[in-house]
Each structure stands twice: as C-alpha cells, then as structure tokens.
C-alpha cells in the first residue's frame, strides 16, 4: 500500500497540468471570430464643384509672381471649408474674394475607414486675368 501511495504522490504533479489543460476548450470561439481591424487608409478630400470669383480688372493688375494666394484650411466631415487662413497674400481685395470663393467650394470630405473625417490642407489659388 505504501508503494502505491508513494507512486501516486510522485505522479501527481504530472497529472494536474494534464487535467487543467483537458478542461480548456479545444477552440476559443471568441478569439477565433474576432479579426484584427485593418485600416482602409485615408482618402483625401476632393473638390466636387467650384464657383467663379470675379474681381474688377483694376485690382487684377498684378505681376505674374504675385498672382498666387496660398491658404491653409480644414475640410470638415460635411465637406465645408472651415478655419480658412491666408498664408500668402496678393492684396486685401483679391484675398477676400478668394476666401469667399473657397468657402463656397463643394468638397467630398476625407475618408478614414469609410468614415468622413476632418482634414487639414494647404491650397494654392492662382488668380487669372
């Protein structure tokens, strides 16, 4: 009897891990059904339509090097230009017309994982005669 008791005590530590692993399910259903989320990436905002901004001919008498207005702006989730700031100015009259026209542009908002998101951009506007 002592030999059986001694043998069972020697093998007992080997049996407990086996019993513990036998209680675990073969597959964990919750872990196997959840896939890691992958991003579809960011799709930039796009212009859908633009208005024409007219300025009097006297105001547009600027040199070719001075015809570009540079703006920094955000396109919100609804496709509207917000927080429009002038980075490079031509003159106050042209700048005001350009900002007014940019606010009227219809944008398709930027998309991240099929959700519309706000995005920042820099926009160069060329003033033509």
Foldseek 3Di string as FASTA:
>chain_A
DVVVVVVCVVCVVVVVVVVVVVPDDPDDVVVVVDDDDDKPDKDAKAFPDFDDQDDDPVLPPDDQVLFKWKWKWKQALQQFTPPIDTPHHNDDVVVVSVVVRNRVTGMNAMDMRNGGHMDIDMDIDGHDD
